Amino acid sequence: MKLPVAKKISYKVRFGKVNKDRGINLIDPPIELNDDYFWMRDDSRKDKNVIEHLNKENTYTEHIMDDTKDLRDKLFNEIKSHVKENRDSYPFPHGKGGWESEYDYFTRTVEGKSYPIHCRINKTTKNEEILLDENELAKDKENFDLSNFSVTRDHKYMSYGVDETGDEKYDLKVINIITNEKMEHDIPELPYCNYFWNNDYIFYTMGNDTNRMYQVWKYNTKTKENIK
């Protein structure tokens, strides 16, 4: 099988003060460098030419690695044998009450399942509660990543970001733990799911057109206002 070689298409990439709104301490005038492989950048993940080339590379890799399949399986199983798949993380208090918090929170991993299960236990009644099973959310999804699972200090809401496209932009979910109802909000997709709670506010960072963080916003969960 022939090694796939990416085609070269000349493209000038500019560095420095390419936008007058980007500040005064950048390279001025900007410089240009040639990038023959700029065409392979595809933030949409839909360019047919890029996908075709990646598929060829994957096929070629499988071809040249074919005689190592048994060894790879052996190494994988050996490493896996040293991993305890059925385990709970150490229960840890969170939020209101500090170390005297009403709940201890932990995650559980189960053999044969790819994603963790988020749980808590009532320290008084000893009742265990599954808050979120990532495996259920990931069912039938071609791509799934859950990030920044959080619970509010009053133990009433949980939140997390979900990326189902692989572009590292996360749809923020806010769930009432008692009623299991979703809180409606107009927070946009969050690059890298960077956010945190502070009482009734959700603070989050926004990225520019290249996903570089450049703004901090806050969302009032009571008034439904976004404030920059």
Protein backbone atom coordinates (compact mmCIF):
# COMPACT_ATOMS: atom_id res chain seq x y z
CA MET A 1 0.00 0.00 0.00
CA LYS A 2 1.31 3.44 -0.95
CA LEU A 3 1.96 6.03 1.74
CA PRO A 4 -0.60 8.86 1.42
CA VAL A 5 1.09 12.23 0.99
CA ALA A 6 -0.77 15.46 1.72
CA LYS A 7 -0.85 17.88 -1.18
CA LYS A 8 0.76 21.29 -0.84
CA ILE A 9 -1.26 24.42 -1.41
CA SER A 10 0.56 27.69 -0.80
CA TYR A 11 -1.16 29.97 1.73
CA LYS A 12 0.13 33.09 3.46
CA VAL A 13 -0.53 33.23 7.21
CA ARG A 14 -0.28 36.68 8.77
CA PHE A 15 1.08 37.31 12.27
CA GLY A 16 0.83 40.50 14.26
CA LYS A 17 -1.51 43.45 14.00
CA VAL A 18 -3.88 41.95 11.46
CA ASN A 19 -6.91 43.57 13.11
CA LYS A 20 -6.87 47.14 14.42
CA ASP A 21 -9.05 46.09 17.37
CA ARG A 22 -6.54 43.48 18.62
CA GLY A 23 -4.32 45.95 20.52
CA ILE A 24 -1.27 48.15 20.01
CA ASN A 25 1.54 45.89 21.23
CA LEU A 26 1.45 43.40 18.37
CA ILE A 27 3.76 43.16 15.35
CA ASP A 28 3.15 46.22 13.20
CA PRO A 29 3.29 45.88 10.27
CA PRO A 30 2.33 42.19 10.38
CA ILE A 31 4.60 39.53 8.91
CA GLU A 32 3.63 36.69 6.59
CA LEU A 33 4.76 33.07 6.56
CA ASN A 34 3.90 30.43 4.01
CA ASP A 35 1.90 27.39 5.20
CA ASP A 36 1.49 24.68 2.56
CA TYR A 37 -0.84 22.68 4.79
CA PHE A 38 -3.20 25.42 5.98
CA TRP A 39 -5.90 23.80 3.85
CA MET A 40 -6.03 20.94 6.38
CA ARG A 41 -7.39 23.23 9.07
CA ASP A 42 -11.14 22.62 9.17
CA ASP A 43 -12.93 23.89 12.28
CA SER A 44 -16.23 22.58 10.90
CA ARG A 45 -14.86 19.00 10.64
CA LYS A 46 -16.80 18.65 7.38
CA ASP A 47 -14.29 19.36 4.60
CA LYS A 48 -14.44 16.32 2.29
CA ASN A 49 -10.83 16.69 1.15
CA VAL A 50 -9.51 16.74 4.72
CA ILE A 51 -11.68 13.80 5.77
CA GLU A 52 -10.62 11.80 2.70
CA HIS A 53 -6.94 12.34 3.47
CA LEU A 54 -7.36 11.40 7.17
CA ASN A 55 -9.19 8.22 6.17
CA LYS A 56 -6.32 7.30 3.87
CA GLU A 57 -3.82 7.86 6.68
CA ASN A 58 -5.88 5.71 9.06
CA THR A 59 -6.12 2.93 6.50
CA TYR A 60 -2.39 3.07 5.87
CA THR A 61 -1.64 2.98 9.61
CA GLU A 62 -3.80 -0.11 10.05
CA HIS A 63 -2.02 -1.72 7.11
CA ILE A 64 1.54 -1.23 8.37
CA MET A 65 0.55 -2.10 11.97
CA ASP A 66 -1.38 -5.22 11.02
CA ASP A 67 1.37 -7.65 12.05
CA THR A 68 1.44 -6.14 15.56
CA LYS A 69 -2.26 -6.71 16.31
CA ASP A 70 -1.68 -9.70 18.62
CA LEU A 71 1.06 -7.82 20.49
CA ARG A 72 -1.15 -4.73 20.85
CA ASP A 73 -4.00 -6.83 22.22
CA LYS A 74 -1.62 -8.54 24.64
CA LEU A 75 -0.24 -5.23 25.91
CA PHE A 76 -3.72 -3.76 26.24
CA ASN A 77 -4.99 -6.71 28.25
CA GLU A 78 -1.91 -6.66 30.45
CA ILE A 79 -2.34 -2.98 31.27
CA LYS A 80 -6.07 -3.48 31.79
CA SER A 81 -5.40 -6.32 34.24
CA HIS A 82 -3.70 -3.82 36.57
CA VAL A 83 -6.67 -1.44 36.52
CA LYS A 84 -9.47 -1.88 39.01
CA GLU A 85 -12.50 -1.08 36.88
CA ASN A 86 -15.14 -1.43 39.60
CA ARG A 87 -14.26 1.31 42.03
CA ASP A 88 -15.59 4.37 43.81
CA SER A 89 -13.59 7.52 44.36
CA TYR A 90 -13.20 8.65 47.97
CA PRO A 91 -16.43 10.35 49.16
CA PHE A 92 -15.77 14.02 49.73
CA PRO A 93 -17.95 16.79 51.26
CA HIS A 94 -18.88 19.78 49.16
CA GLY A 95 -20.64 23.11 49.42
CA LYS A 96 -22.71 24.46 52.25
CA GLY A 97 -21.57 23.11 55.59
CA GLY A 98 -17.99 22.43 54.60
CA TRP A 99 -16.77 19.27 56.29
CA GLU A 100 -20.19 19.05 57.96
CA SER A 101 -21.90 19.09 54.58
CA GLU A 102 -25.13 17.13 54.33
CA TYR A 103 -23.71 15.05 51.47
CA ASP A 104 -20.51 13.36 50.41
CA TYR A 105 -19.89 13.26 46.66
CA PHE A 106 -18.01 10.64 44.66
CA THR A 107 -17.69 9.06 41.22
CA ARG A 108 -18.09 5.40 40.34
CA THR A 109 -16.57 3.43 37.49
CA VAL A 110 -18.06 0.11 36.39
CA GLU A 111 -16.35 -2.65 34.46
CA GLY A 112 -17.25 -2.59 30.78
CA LYS A 113 -18.51 1.00 30.87
CA SER A 114 -16.54 3.86 29.36
CA TYR A 115 -17.78 6.78 31.44
CA PRO A 116 -18.05 7.59 35.17
CA ILE A 117 -21.22 7.74 37.26
CA HIS A 118 -21.63 10.76 39.54
CA CYS A 119 -23.10 9.96 42.95
CA ARG A 120 -23.66 11.33 46.43
CA ILE A 121 -24.52 9.84 49.79
CA ASN A 122 -26.56 11.44 52.54
CA LYS A 123 -24.31 11.39 55.60
CA THR A 124 -27.27 11.13 57.97
CA THR A 125 -29.53 8.58 56.28
CA LYS A 126 -26.69 6.78 54.39
CA ASN A 127 -28.92 6.80 51.30
CA GLU A 128 -26.94 6.72 48.07
CA GLU A 129 -28.12 8.71 45.08
CA ILE A 130 -27.00 8.56 41.45
CA LEU A 131 -26.95 12.12 40.15
CA LEU A 132 -25.74 11.47 36.62
CA ASP A 133 -24.73 8.41 34.62
CA GLU A 134 -22.57 9.59 31.73
CA ASN A 135 -22.94 6.19 30.05
CA GLU A 136 -26.67 6.80 29.60
CA LEU A 137 -26.05 10.20 28.03
CA ALA A 138 -23.43 8.78 25.68
CA LYS A 139 -25.65 6.03 24.26
CA ASP A 140 -25.88 6.04 20.45
CA LYS A 141 -23.61 9.10 20.23
CA GLU A 142 -20.78 9.07 17.68
CA ASN A 143 -18.93 11.61 19.81
CA PHE A 144 -19.48 12.45 23.46
CA ASP A 145 -17.49 14.38 26.02
CA LEU A 146 -18.80 15.65 29.34
CA SER A 147 -16.79 18.27 31.17
CA ASN A 148 -16.80 20.26 34.41
CA PHE A 149 -19.50 18.42 36.35
CA SER A 150 -20.48 20.68 39.27
CA VAL A 151 -23.01 20.85 42.09
CA THR A 152 -24.12 24.13 43.65
CA ARG A 153 -23.20 24.88 47.26
CA ASP A 154 -26.84 24.48 48.35
CA HIS A 155 -26.90 20.96 46.79
CA LYS A 156 -29.95 21.85 44.66
CA TYR A 157 -28.54 22.02 41.13
CA MET A 158 -25.97 20.15 39.10
CA SER A 159 -24.40 21.42 35.90
CA TYR A 160 -22.08 20.14 33.22
CA GLY A 161 -21.06 20.79 29.62
CA VAL A 162 -21.62 18.37 26.73
CA ASP A 163 -19.69 18.29 23.45
CA GLU A 164 -21.18 15.96 20.83
CA THR A 165 -19.23 17.21 17.82
CA GLY A 166 -15.60 17.16 18.97
CA ASP A 167 -15.08 20.90 18.46
CA GLU A 168 -14.47 21.49 22.20
CA LYS A 169 -17.47 23.79 22.47
CA TYR A 170 -19.82 22.67 25.21
CA ASP A 171 -23.55 23.04 25.67
CA LEU A 172 -24.10 23.87 29.34
CA LYS A 173 -26.77 21.83 31.11
CA VAL A 174 -28.24 22.92 34.45
CA ILE A 175 -30.48 20.39 36.20
CA ASN A 176 -32.61 20.65 39.34
CA ILE A 177 -31.48 17.59 41.32
CA ILE A 178 -34.79 17.23 43.19
CA THR A 179 -37.19 17.58 40.23
CA ASN A 180 -34.80 16.56 37.44
CA GLU A 181 -36.01 19.58 35.46
CA LYS A 182 -33.66 21.46 33.17
CA MET A 183 -33.07 25.11 33.88
CA GLU A 184 -33.63 27.12 30.72
CA HIS A 185 -30.91 29.67 29.99
CA ASP A 186 -29.35 31.51 27.06
CA ILE A 187 -25.68 30.96 27.89
CA PRO A 188 -23.95 30.27 24.54
CA GLU A 189 -21.71 27.29 23.82
CA LEU A 190 -18.65 27.42 26.06
CA PRO A 191 -15.18 26.82 24.59
CA TYR A 192 -13.47 24.20 26.79
CA CYS A 193 -16.44 24.42 29.23
CA ASN A 194 -14.83 27.02 31.45
CA TYR A 195 -17.38 28.19 34.07
CA PHE A 196 -18.09 28.25 37.80
CA TRP A 197 -20.93 28.98 40.21
CA ASN A 198 -21.10 31.82 42.74
CA ASN A 199 -24.42 31.79 44.57
CA ASP A 200 -27.11 32.63 41.97
CA TYR A 201 -24.56 33.54 39.29
CA ILE A 202 -22.76 31.45 36.69
CA PHE A 203 -19.48 33.01 35.59
CA TYR A 204 -18.09 31.84 32.26
CA THR A 205 -15.44 32.74 29.69
CA MET A 206 -16.03 33.33 26.01
CA GLY A 207 -13.63 32.77 23.15
CA ASN A 208 -13.01 34.78 20.01
CA ASP A 209 -13.12 33.36 16.49
CA THR A 210 -10.04 31.24 17.26
CA ASN A 211 -11.37 30.06 20.66
CA ARG A 212 -8.90 32.17 22.63
CA MET A 213 -10.43 33.31 25.90
CA TYR A 214 -10.97 37.07 25.92
CA GLN A 215 -14.16 37.84 27.85
CA VAL A 216 -15.69 36.96 31.23
CA TRP A 217 -19.47 37.00 31.52
CA LYS A 218 -21.87 36.29 34.34
CA TYR A 219 -25.38 34.90 34.11
CA ASN A 220 -28.02 35.66 36.73
CA THR A 221 -30.08 32.48 37.17
CA LYS A 222 -32.87 34.45 38.83
CA THR A 223 -33.32 37.31 36.36
CA LYS A 224 -32.01 35.36 33.33
CA GLU A 225 -29.62 38.20 32.46
CA ASN A 226 -26.26 37.82 30.75
CA ILE A 227 -23.79 40.50 31.87
CA LYS A 228 -20.38 41.12 30.30
